[in-house]
Amino acid sequence: MGGESDETLASTEISREHIVADRKTSVGLASLAGDAFLCERLNIRPIEWRALRSLQPPNGLTREGYLVVLLALRGHRAT
């Protein structure tokens, strides 16, 4: 996958494997996606991967930063 256009990625399902394979993935998100056990336990859905992948903070996020955003997204969805 890595190297496909943003337009192509927008029209496909985003999975943990897609995130890991994409060379443009940030270090923090790649670290999260690389932990298969954690991702399985969290049951991260394709729409959540897409939301996390869309973030472009100026200084990047750590793996923990992406986890915080994921939990915030889920908290917002529940209310």
N, C-alpha and C. Protein backbone atom coordinates (compact mmCIF):
# COMPACT_ATOMS: atom_id res chain seq x y z
N MET A 1 0.79 -1.19 0.00
CA MET A 1 0.00 0.00 0.00
C MET A 1 0.84 1.26 0.00
N GLY A 2 1.73 1.42 0.94
CA GLY A 2 2.44 2.66 1.13
C GLY A 2 2.72 3.40 -0.17
N GLY A 3 2.39 4.63 -0.26
CA GLY A 3 2.60 5.39 -1.45
C GLY A 3 1.33 5.66 -2.24
N GLU A 4 0.22 5.06 -1.84
CA GLU A 4 -1.03 5.35 -2.53
C GLU A 4 -1.48 6.76 -2.17
N SER A 5 -2.23 7.35 -3.08
CA SER A 5 -2.69 8.72 -2.86
C SER A 5 -3.71 8.78 -1.73
N ASP A 6 -3.85 9.97 -1.16
CA ASP A 6 -4.85 10.18 -0.12
C ASP A 6 -6.24 9.89 -0.66
N GLU A 7 -6.47 10.22 -1.94
CA GLU A 7 -7.77 9.98 -2.56
C GLU A 7 -8.08 8.49 -2.61
N THR A 8 -7.08 7.68 -2.98
CA THR A 8 -7.27 6.23 -3.02
C THR A 8 -7.56 5.70 -1.63
N LEU A 9 -6.81 6.16 -0.64
CA LEU A 9 -7.01 5.70 0.72
C LEU A 9 -8.37 6.11 1.26
N ALA A 10 -8.87 7.25 0.85
CA ALA A 10 -10.16 7.73 1.33
C ALA A 10 -11.30 6.84 0.85
N SER A 11 -11.09 6.13 -0.24
CA SER A 11 -12.16 5.30 -0.79
C SER A 11 -12.03 3.84 -0.36
N THR A 12 -11.05 3.50 0.48
CA THR A 12 -10.86 2.13 0.92
C THR A 12 -11.04 2.03 2.42
N GLU A 13 -11.29 0.82 2.88
CA GLU A 13 -11.37 0.58 4.31
C GLU A 13 -9.98 0.73 4.91
N ILE A 14 -9.91 1.41 6.02
CA ILE A 14 -8.64 1.58 6.72
C ILE A 14 -8.59 0.55 7.84
N SER A 15 -7.52 -0.20 7.88
CA SER A 15 -7.33 -1.20 8.93
C SER A 15 -5.97 -1.00 9.57
N ARG A 16 -5.75 -1.73 10.62
CA ARG A 16 -4.45 -1.68 11.30
C ARG A 16 -3.33 -2.01 10.30
N GLU A 17 -3.56 -3.00 9.46
CA GLU A 17 -2.56 -3.42 8.48
C GLU A 17 -2.26 -2.30 7.47
N HIS A 18 -3.30 -1.57 7.06
CA HIS A 18 -3.10 -0.45 6.15
C HIS A 18 -2.23 0.64 6.80
N ILE A 19 -2.52 0.91 8.06
CA ILE A 19 -1.77 1.94 8.78
C ILE A 19 -0.30 1.55 8.87
N VAL A 20 -0.02 0.30 9.20
CA VAL A 20 1.36 -0.18 9.33
C VAL A 20 2.08 -0.13 7.98
N ALA A 21 1.39 -0.49 6.91
CA ALA A 21 2.02 -0.58 5.59
C ALA A 21 2.25 0.78 4.93
N ASP A 22 1.53 1.79 5.36
CA ASP A 22 1.62 3.11 4.72
C ASP A 22 2.88 3.83 5.18
N ARG A 23 3.78 4.11 4.26
CA ARG A 23 5.05 4.79 4.60
C ARG A 23 4.84 6.20 5.14
N LYS A 24 3.67 6.79 4.87
CA LYS A 24 3.40 8.15 5.32
C LYS A 24 2.85 8.19 6.75
N THR A 25 2.59 7.04 7.34
CA THR A 25 2.03 6.98 8.69
C THR A 25 3.02 7.57 9.69
N SER A 26 2.50 8.39 10.60
CA SER A 26 3.37 8.99 11.62
C SER A 26 3.93 7.90 12.54
N VAL A 27 5.02 8.21 13.17
CA VAL A 27 5.69 7.24 14.06
C VAL A 27 4.76 6.79 15.19
N GLY A 28 4.06 7.74 15.81
CA GLY A 28 3.18 7.40 16.93
C GLY A 28 2.03 6.50 16.52
N LEU A 29 1.42 6.80 15.38
CA LEU A 29 0.30 5.98 14.90
C LEU A 29 0.79 4.62 14.44
N ALA A 30 1.95 4.58 13.81
CA ALA A 30 2.53 3.30 13.40
C ALA A 30 2.84 2.43 14.62
N SER A 31 3.29 3.07 15.70
CA SER A 31 3.58 2.34 16.93
C SER A 31 2.31 1.72 17.51
N LEU A 32 1.24 2.50 17.51
CA LEU A 32 -0.04 1.98 17.99
C LEU A 32 -0.51 0.83 17.10
N ALA A 33 -0.51 1.05 15.79
CA ALA A 33 -0.98 0.03 14.86
C ALA A 33 -0.11 -1.22 14.88
N GLY A 34 1.16 -1.05 15.22
CA GLY A 34 2.07 -2.18 15.27
C GLY A 34 1.85 -3.11 16.45
N ASP A 35 1.07 -2.68 17.42
CA ASP A 35 0.77 -3.51 18.60
C ASP A 35 -0.54 -4.25 18.36
N ALA A 36 -0.44 -5.40 17.70
CA ALA A 36 -1.63 -6.17 17.31
C ALA A 36 -2.47 -6.55 18.51
N PHE A 37 -1.85 -6.93 19.61
CA PHE A 37 -2.59 -7.35 20.79
C PHE A 37 -3.43 -6.19 21.34
N LEU A 38 -2.81 -5.03 21.50
CA LEU A 38 -3.52 -3.86 22.02
C LEU A 38 -4.67 -3.46 21.08
N CYS A 39 -4.38 -3.43 19.79
CA CYS A 39 -5.41 -3.04 18.82
C CYS A 39 -6.59 -4.02 18.84
N GLU A 40 -6.29 -5.29 19.00
CA GLU A 40 -7.36 -6.28 19.08
C GLU A 40 -8.20 -6.07 20.35
N ARG A 41 -7.54 -5.82 21.45
CA ARG A 41 -8.25 -5.60 22.71
C ARG A 41 -9.11 -4.33 22.65
N LEU A 42 -8.61 -3.30 21.97
CA LEU A 42 -9.35 -2.04 21.85
C LEU A 42 -10.42 -2.11 20.77
N ASN A 43 -10.32 -3.10 19.89
CA ASN A 43 -11.28 -3.27 18.80
C ASN A 43 -11.45 -1.96 18.02
N ILE A 44 -10.33 -1.43 17.54
CA ILE A 44 -10.36 -0.16 16.81
C ILE A 44 -11.02 -0.39 15.45
N ARG A 45 -12.06 0.38 15.20
CA ARG A 45 -12.85 0.23 13.97
C ARG A 45 -12.24 1.03 12.82
N PRO A 46 -12.55 0.66 11.58
CA PRO A 46 -12.01 1.39 10.43
C PRO A 46 -12.28 2.89 10.48
N ILE A 47 -13.44 3.30 10.92
CA ILE A 47 -13.73 4.74 11.00
C ILE A 47 -12.83 5.43 12.03
N GLU A 48 -12.47 4.70 13.08
CA GLU A 48 -11.56 5.27 14.09
C GLU A 48 -10.14 5.37 13.53
N TRP A 49 -9.71 4.34 12.79
CA TRP A 49 -8.39 4.42 12.15
C TRP A 49 -8.35 5.61 11.20
N ARG A 50 -9.42 5.81 10.46
CA ARG A 50 -9.47 6.93 9.51
C ARG A 50 -9.36 8.26 10.26
N ALA A 51 -10.07 8.39 11.37
CA ALA A 51 -10.01 9.62 12.17
C ALA A 51 -8.61 9.85 12.72
N LEU A 52 -8.00 8.81 13.25
CA LEU A 52 -6.65 8.94 13.80
C LEU A 52 -5.65 9.29 12.70
N ARG A 53 -5.80 8.66 11.55
CA ARG A 53 -4.89 8.90 10.44
C ARG A 53 -5.02 10.33 9.91
N SER A 54 -6.19 10.92 10.05
CA SER A 54 -6.42 12.26 9.51
C SER A 54 -5.76 13.37 10.34
N LEU A 55 -5.37 13.06 11.57
CA LEU A 55 -4.75 14.06 12.43
C LEU A 55 -3.38 14.46 11.89
N GLN A 56 -3.10 15.75 11.94
CA GLN A 56 -1.80 16.26 11.49
C GLN A 56 -1.29 17.32 12.46
N PRO A 57 -1.05 16.94 13.71
CA PRO A 57 -0.55 17.94 14.67
C PRO A 57 0.86 18.37 14.27
N PRO A 58 1.21 19.62 14.52
CA PRO A 58 2.50 20.15 14.08
C PRO A 58 3.71 19.39 14.62
N ASN A 59 3.63 18.89 15.83
CA ASN A 59 4.77 18.17 16.41
C ASN A 59 4.54 16.68 16.50
N GLY A 60 3.50 16.18 15.84
CA GLY A 60 3.20 14.76 15.88
C GLY A 60 2.63 14.35 17.23
N LEU A 61 2.19 13.12 17.30
CA LEU A 61 1.69 12.55 18.55
C LEU A 61 2.43 11.26 18.84
N THR A 62 2.55 10.96 20.09
CA THR A 62 3.11 9.67 20.50
C THR A 62 2.02 8.61 20.41
N ARG A 63 2.41 7.40 20.60
CA ARG A 63 1.43 6.30 20.66
C ARG A 63 0.38 6.59 21.73
N GLU A 64 0.83 7.06 22.88
CA GLU A 64 -0.09 7.38 23.97
C GLU A 64 -1.01 8.53 23.59
N GLY A 65 -0.48 9.49 22.84
CA GLY A 65 -1.29 10.61 22.37
C GLY A 65 -2.43 10.13 21.48
N TYR A 66 -2.13 9.19 20.60
CA TYR A 66 -3.19 8.64 19.74
C TYR A 66 -4.21 7.86 20.56
N LEU A 67 -3.76 7.18 21.61
CA LEU A 67 -4.70 6.48 22.48
C LEU A 67 -5.64 7.46 23.18
N VAL A 68 -5.10 8.58 23.64
CA VAL A 68 -5.92 9.60 24.29
C VAL A 68 -6.97 10.13 23.32
N VAL A 69 -6.55 10.40 22.09
CA VAL A 69 -7.50 10.89 21.08
C VAL A 69 -8.57 9.84 20.81
N LEU A 70 -8.17 8.58 20.69
CA LEU A 70 -9.14 7.50 20.46
C LEU A 70 -10.17 7.45 21.59
N LEU A 71 -9.70 7.52 22.81
CA LEU A 71 -10.62 7.49 23.95
C LEU A 71 -11.51 8.72 23.98
N ALA A 72 -10.98 9.87 23.60
CA ALA A 72 -11.79 11.09 23.53
C ALA A 72 -12.88 10.95 22.46
N LEU A 73 -12.51 10.39 21.31
CA LEU A 73 -13.49 10.16 20.25
C LEU A 73 -14.60 9.22 20.73
N ARG A 74 -14.22 8.19 21.41
CA ARG A 74 -15.21 7.24 21.91
C ARG A 74 -16.06 7.86 22.99
N GLY A 75 -15.49 8.69 23.82
CA GLY A 75 -16.25 9.37 24.86
C GLY A 75 -17.26 10.34 24.27
N HIS A 76 -16.85 11.02 23.23
CA HIS A 76 -17.75 11.96 22.55
C HIS A 76 -18.91 11.23 21.88
N ARG A 77 -18.61 10.09 21.29
CA ARG A 77 -19.62 9.29 20.60
C ARG A 77 -20.65 8.76 21.57
N ALA A 78 -20.23 8.48 22.82
CA ALA A 78 -21.13 7.87 23.80
C ALA A 78 -22.11 8.87 24.39
N THR A 79 -21.85 10.16 24.28
CA THR A 79 -22.72 11.17 24.89
C THR A 79 -23.79 11.66 23.94
